[in-house]
């Protein structure tokens, strides 16, 4: 997110000590730590949920693509299986069992 080096943390600590005083600083530090943990936990949960949603969407797209490929293959098989029948009726052989030699 953003980078806090040692110098910046030291500066924040000194300003907090001056503003809050030594009596209230420990309580404020605990409260700040609690809120930082909550925000981080919320952030990680949202990130994980977003990743799950993206994975589910990707899986849906792959499934749709696979369904379309199966549909296209089925249509091609039907077309190829009907093509010889149409050729036989045009040529006049009409024997669907292939027994031409009898």
N, C-alpha and C. Protein backbone atom coordinates (compact mmCIF):
# COMPACT_ATOMS: atom_id res chain seq x y z
N UNK A 1 0.84 -1.18 0.00
CA UNK A 1 0.00 0.00 0.00
C UNK A 1 0.88 1.24 0.00
N UNK A 2 1.44 1.58 1.14
CA UNK A 2 2.35 2.70 1.20
C UNK A 2 3.49 2.28 2.12
N UNK A 3 4.62 2.92 1.94
CA UNK A 3 5.82 2.51 2.64
C UNK A 3 6.10 3.43 3.82
N UNK A 4 6.32 2.81 4.97
CA UNK A 4 6.71 3.55 6.16
C UNK A 4 8.07 3.04 6.61
N UNK A 5 9.05 3.88 6.48
CA UNK A 5 10.38 3.51 6.93
C UNK A 5 10.54 3.82 8.42
N UNK A 6 11.72 3.47 8.95
CA UNK A 6 11.98 3.69 10.37
C UNK A 6 11.92 5.18 10.71
N UNK A 7 12.46 6.01 9.85
CA UNK A 7 12.47 7.46 10.11
C UNK A 7 11.07 8.03 10.21
N UNK A 8 10.18 7.60 9.31
CA UNK A 8 8.80 8.09 9.34
C UNK A 8 8.08 7.60 10.59
N UNK A 9 8.30 6.35 10.95
CA UNK A 9 7.67 5.83 12.17
C UNK A 9 8.17 6.58 13.41
N UNK A 10 9.45 6.87 13.46
CA UNK A 10 10.01 7.60 14.59
C UNK A 10 9.40 9.00 14.67
N UNK A 11 9.26 9.66 13.54
CA UNK A 11 8.66 10.98 13.50
C UNK A 11 7.20 10.93 13.98
N UNK A 12 6.45 9.95 13.51
CA UNK A 12 5.05 9.79 13.95
C UNK A 12 4.99 9.55 15.46
N UNK A 13 5.89 8.73 15.97
CA UNK A 13 5.93 8.46 17.41
C UNK A 13 6.23 9.71 18.24
N UNK A 14 7.17 10.50 17.79
CA UNK A 14 7.52 11.73 18.51
C UNK A 14 6.35 12.72 18.49
N UNK A 15 5.72 12.88 17.34
CA UNK A 15 4.57 13.79 17.25
C UNK A 15 3.43 13.28 18.14
N UNK A 16 3.19 11.96 18.13
CA UNK A 16 2.13 11.40 18.97
C UNK A 16 2.45 11.60 20.45
N UNK A 17 3.71 11.45 20.83
CA UNK A 17 4.09 11.65 22.23
C UNK A 17 3.87 13.11 22.64
N UNK A 18 4.19 14.02 21.76
CA UNK A 18 3.99 15.45 22.08
C UNK A 18 2.50 15.78 22.15
N UNK A 19 1.72 15.28 21.18
CA UNK A 19 0.30 15.63 21.13
C UNK A 19 -0.48 14.93 22.23
N UNK A 20 -0.27 13.63 22.42
CA UNK A 20 -1.07 12.85 23.36
C UNK A 20 -0.51 12.83 24.78
N UNK A 21 0.77 12.97 24.89
CA UNK A 21 1.38 12.91 26.21
C UNK A 21 1.68 11.47 26.60
N UNK A 22 2.53 11.28 27.58
CA UNK A 22 2.95 9.92 27.97
C UNK A 22 1.84 9.10 28.63
N UNK A 23 0.80 9.75 29.18
CA UNK A 23 -0.27 9.00 29.84
C UNK A 23 -1.20 8.33 28.82
N UNK A 24 -1.55 9.05 27.76
CA UNK A 24 -2.53 8.53 26.79
C UNK A 24 -1.89 7.82 25.60
N UNK A 25 -0.59 7.91 25.43
CA UNK A 25 0.08 7.32 24.27
C UNK A 25 -0.05 5.79 24.23
N UNK A 26 0.14 5.05 25.33
CA UNK A 26 0.01 3.58 25.25
C UNK A 26 -1.40 3.13 24.83
N UNK A 27 -2.43 3.78 25.37
CA UNK A 27 -3.79 3.42 25.00
C UNK A 27 -4.05 3.74 23.53
N UNK A 28 -3.57 4.89 23.06
CA UNK A 28 -3.74 5.27 21.65
C UNK A 28 -2.99 4.30 20.74
N UNK A 29 -1.81 3.85 21.15
CA UNK A 29 -1.04 2.89 20.34
C UNK A 29 -1.78 1.56 20.24
N UNK A 30 -2.35 1.09 21.37
CA UNK A 30 -3.13 -0.16 21.33
C UNK A 30 -4.34 -0.03 20.41
N UNK A 31 -5.04 1.08 20.54
CA UNK A 31 -6.22 1.31 19.71
C UNK A 31 -5.83 1.40 18.22
N UNK A 32 -4.75 2.08 17.93
CA UNK A 32 -4.27 2.18 16.55
C UNK A 32 -3.89 0.80 16.01
N UNK A 33 -3.21 0.01 16.81
CA UNK A 33 -2.84 -1.35 16.41
C UNK A 33 -4.07 -2.21 16.13
N UNK A 34 -5.09 -2.06 16.98
CA UNK A 34 -6.33 -2.81 16.79
C UNK A 34 -6.99 -2.44 15.46
N UNK A 35 -7.07 -1.14 15.18
CA UNK A 35 -7.70 -0.71 13.93
C UNK A 35 -6.88 -1.12 12.71
N UNK A 36 -5.58 -1.07 12.82
CA UNK A 36 -4.73 -1.51 11.69
C UNK A 36 -4.95 -2.99 11.42
N UNK A 37 -5.03 -3.80 12.47
CA UNK A 37 -5.29 -5.24 12.29
C UNK A 37 -6.65 -5.47 11.65
N UNK A 38 -7.67 -4.74 12.09
CA UNK A 38 -9.00 -4.89 11.51
C UNK A 38 -9.03 -4.51 10.03
N UNK A 39 -8.39 -3.40 9.70
CA UNK A 39 -8.35 -2.95 8.31
C UNK A 39 -7.61 -3.97 7.45
N UNK A 40 -6.49 -4.48 7.95
CA UNK A 40 -5.73 -5.47 7.18
C UNK A 40 -6.54 -6.75 6.99
N UNK A 41 -7.22 -7.20 8.05
CA UNK A 41 -8.04 -8.40 7.93
C UNK A 41 -9.16 -8.19 6.93
N UNK A 42 -9.80 -7.03 6.98
CA UNK A 42 -10.85 -6.70 6.03
C UNK A 42 -10.30 -6.69 4.61
N UNK A 43 -9.14 -6.06 4.43
CA UNK A 43 -8.52 -5.99 3.12
C UNK A 43 -8.21 -7.39 2.58
N UNK A 44 -7.63 -8.25 3.40
CA UNK A 44 -7.28 -9.60 2.94
C UNK A 44 -8.53 -10.42 2.63
N UNK A 45 -9.59 -10.24 3.43
CA UNK A 45 -10.84 -10.95 3.14
C UNK A 45 -11.45 -10.49 1.82
N UNK A 46 -11.44 -9.19 1.59
CA UNK A 46 -11.98 -8.66 0.34
C UNK A 46 -11.15 -9.14 -0.85
N UNK A 47 -9.87 -9.16 -0.68
CA UNK A 47 -8.98 -9.62 -1.75
C UNK A 47 -9.23 -11.09 -2.06
N UNK A 48 -9.35 -11.92 -1.03
CA UNK A 48 -9.62 -13.34 -1.24
C UNK A 48 -10.97 -13.55 -1.91
N UNK A 49 -11.98 -12.79 -1.50
CA UNK A 49 -13.30 -12.92 -2.12
C UNK A 49 -13.26 -12.50 -3.59
N UNK A 50 -12.56 -11.43 -3.87
CA UNK A 50 -12.42 -10.98 -5.26
C UNK A 50 -11.71 -12.03 -6.10
N UNK A 51 -10.66 -12.63 -5.57
CA UNK A 51 -9.94 -13.67 -6.30
C UNK A 51 -10.84 -14.88 -6.55
N UNK A 52 -11.67 -15.25 -5.56
CA UNK A 52 -12.61 -16.36 -5.76
C UNK A 52 -13.62 -16.03 -6.85
N UNK A 53 -14.13 -14.80 -6.83
CA UNK A 53 -15.09 -14.40 -7.85
C UNK A 53 -14.46 -14.42 -9.25
N UNK A 54 -13.25 -13.94 -9.35
CA UNK A 54 -12.57 -13.94 -10.64
C UNK A 54 -12.30 -15.36 -11.12
N UNK A 55 -11.93 -16.24 -10.19
CA UNK A 55 -11.70 -17.64 -10.55
C UNK A 55 -13.01 -18.29 -11.00
N UNK A 56 -14.10 -17.99 -10.31
CA UNK A 56 -15.40 -18.55 -10.69
C UNK A 56 -15.82 -18.04 -12.07
N UNK A 57 -15.60 -16.77 -12.33
CA UNK A 57 -15.94 -16.20 -13.64
C UNK A 57 -15.10 -16.85 -14.74
N UNK A 58 -13.82 -17.05 -14.46
CA UNK A 58 -12.95 -17.71 -15.43
C UNK A 58 -13.40 -19.14 -15.69
N UNK A 59 -13.82 -19.83 -14.64
CA UNK A 59 -14.32 -21.19 -14.80
C UNK A 59 -15.61 -21.20 -15.62
N UNK A 60 -16.49 -20.22 -15.40
CA UNK A 60 -17.72 -20.13 -16.19
C UNK A 60 -17.41 -19.92 -17.67
N UNK A 61 -16.44 -19.06 -17.94
CA UNK A 61 -16.07 -18.80 -19.33
C UNK A 61 -15.49 -20.07 -19.97
N UNK A 62 -14.67 -20.80 -19.23
CA UNK A 62 -14.10 -22.04 -19.76
C UNK A 62 -15.19 -23.08 -19.99
N UNK A 63 -16.16 -23.15 -19.08
CA UNK A 63 -17.26 -24.08 -19.24
C UNK A 63 -18.10 -23.73 -20.46
N UNK A 64 -18.40 -22.45 -20.63
CA UNK A 64 -19.16 -22.03 -21.81
C UNK A 64 -18.41 -22.35 -23.09
N UNK A 65 -17.11 -22.13 -23.07
CA UNK A 65 -16.29 -22.44 -24.23
C UNK A 65 -16.30 -23.94 -24.52
N UNK A 66 -16.21 -24.76 -23.48
CA UNK A 66 -16.24 -26.21 -23.66
C UNK A 66 -17.61 -26.66 -24.17
N UNK A 67 -18.68 -26.06 -23.65
CA UNK A 67 -20.03 -26.40 -24.13
C UNK A 67 -20.17 -26.07 -25.62
N UNK A 68 -19.66 -24.91 -26.00
CA UNK A 68 -19.73 -24.51 -27.40
C UNK A 68 -18.93 -25.45 -28.28
N UNK A 69 -17.76 -25.87 -27.81
CA UNK A 69 -16.93 -26.80 -28.59
C UNK A 69 -17.64 -28.14 -28.74
N UNK A 70 -18.28 -28.63 -27.68
CA UNK A 70 -19.02 -29.89 -27.76
C UNK A 70 -20.20 -29.74 -28.71
N UNK A 71 -20.89 -28.64 -28.61
CA UNK A 71 -22.04 -28.38 -29.51
C UNK A 71 -21.58 -28.35 -30.96
N UNK A 72 -20.48 -27.64 -31.22
CA UNK A 72 -19.96 -27.56 -32.58
C UNK A 72 -19.52 -28.92 -33.09
N UNK A 73 -18.87 -29.70 -32.23
CA UNK A 73 -18.42 -31.03 -32.63
C UNK A 73 -19.63 -31.93 -32.91
N UNK A 74 -20.67 -31.84 -32.10
CA UNK A 74 -21.89 -32.62 -32.31
C UNK A 74 -22.55 -32.25 -33.62
N UNK A 75 -22.60 -30.96 -33.93
CA UNK A 75 -23.19 -30.51 -35.19
C UNK A 75 -22.38 -31.02 -36.37
N UNK A 76 -21.07 -31.01 -36.22
CA UNK A 76 -20.21 -31.50 -37.31
C UNK A 76 -20.38 -33.00 -37.51
N UNK A 77 -20.49 -33.75 -36.40
CA UNK A 77 -20.71 -35.20 -36.50
C UNK A 77 -22.05 -35.48 -37.17
N UNK A 78 -23.08 -34.74 -36.78
CA UNK A 78 -24.39 -34.93 -37.42
C UNK A 78 -24.33 -34.62 -38.91
N UNK A 79 -23.64 -33.55 -39.23
CA UNK A 79 -23.52 -33.16 -40.62
C UNK A 79 -22.76 -34.22 -41.42
N UNK A 80 -21.68 -34.74 -40.85
CA UNK A 80 -20.91 -35.77 -41.55
C UNK A 80 -21.66 -37.08 -41.64
N UNK A 81 -22.46 -37.40 -40.63
CA UNK A 81 -23.21 -38.66 -40.68
C UNK A 81 -24.36 -38.59 -41.67
N UNK A 82 -24.88 -37.41 -41.94
CA UNK A 82 -25.97 -37.26 -42.90
C UNK A 82 -25.46 -37.06 -44.32
N UNK A 83 -24.24 -36.64 -44.47
CA UNK A 83 -23.68 -36.37 -45.79
C UNK A 83 -23.62 -37.64 -46.65
N UNK A 84 -23.18 -38.81 -46.19
CA UNK A 84 -23.16 -40.00 -47.04
C UNK A 84 -24.56 -40.42 -47.47
N UNK A 85 -25.55 -40.26 -46.62
CA UNK A 85 -26.92 -40.61 -46.99
C UNK A 85 -27.41 -39.73 -48.12
N UNK A 86 -27.08 -38.46 -48.06
CA UNK A 86 -27.50 -37.54 -49.10
C UNK A 86 -26.79 -37.87 -50.40
N UNK A 87 -25.51 -38.26 -50.36
CA UNK A 87 -24.77 -38.63 -51.56
C UNK A 87 -25.33 -39.88 -52.19
N UNK A 88 -25.74 -40.87 -51.37
CA UNK A 88 -26.27 -42.12 -51.90
C UNK A 88 -27.60 -41.90 -52.59
N UNK A 89 -28.42 -41.03 -52.05
CA UNK A 89 -29.72 -40.79 -52.68
C UNK A 89 -29.56 -40.02 -53.98
N UNK A 90 -28.53 -39.19 -54.08
CA UNK A 90 -28.30 -38.44 -55.31
C UNK A 90 -27.77 -39.36 -56.42
N UNK A 91 -26.92 -40.33 -56.06
CA UNK A 91 -26.31 -41.21 -57.07
C UNK A 91 -27.21 -42.37 -57.43
N UNK A 92 -28.19 -42.63 -56.58
CA UNK A 92 -29.13 -43.69 -56.88
C UNK A 92 -28.75 -45.04 -56.31
N UNK A 93 -27.65 -45.14 -55.55
CA UNK A 93 -27.30 -46.43 -54.96
C UNK A 93 -28.27 -46.77 -53.87
N UNK A 94 -28.53 -45.88 -52.96
CA UNK A 94 -29.57 -46.02 -51.96
C UNK A 94 -29.39 -47.17 -51.01
N UNK A 95 -28.37 -47.97 -51.13
CA UNK A 95 -28.16 -49.10 -50.22
C UNK A 95 -27.45 -48.60 -48.98
N UNK A 96 -28.14 -48.56 -47.88
CA UNK A 96 -27.57 -47.97 -46.67
C UNK A 96 -26.70 -48.95 -45.90
N UNK A 97 -26.72 -50.28 -46.26
CA UNK A 97 -25.93 -51.25 -45.52
C UNK A 97 -24.61 -51.53 -46.21
N UNK A 98 -24.44 -51.10 -47.38
CA UNK A 98 -23.17 -51.29 -48.08
C UNK A 98 -23.06 -52.66 -48.72
N UNK A 99 -24.14 -53.38 -48.95
CA UNK A 99 -24.12 -54.71 -49.55
C UNK A 99 -24.30 -54.59 -51.06
N UNK A 100 -23.33 -54.08 -51.76
CA UNK A 100 -23.43 -53.88 -53.20
C UNK A 100 -23.13 -55.15 -53.98
N UNK A 101 -22.41 -56.09 -53.44
CA UNK A 101 -21.91 -57.24 -54.20
C UNK A 101 -22.92 -58.36 -54.27
N UNK A 102 -24.04 -58.33 -53.63
CA UNK A 102 -24.97 -59.47 -53.63
C UNK A 102 -25.75 -59.56 -54.83
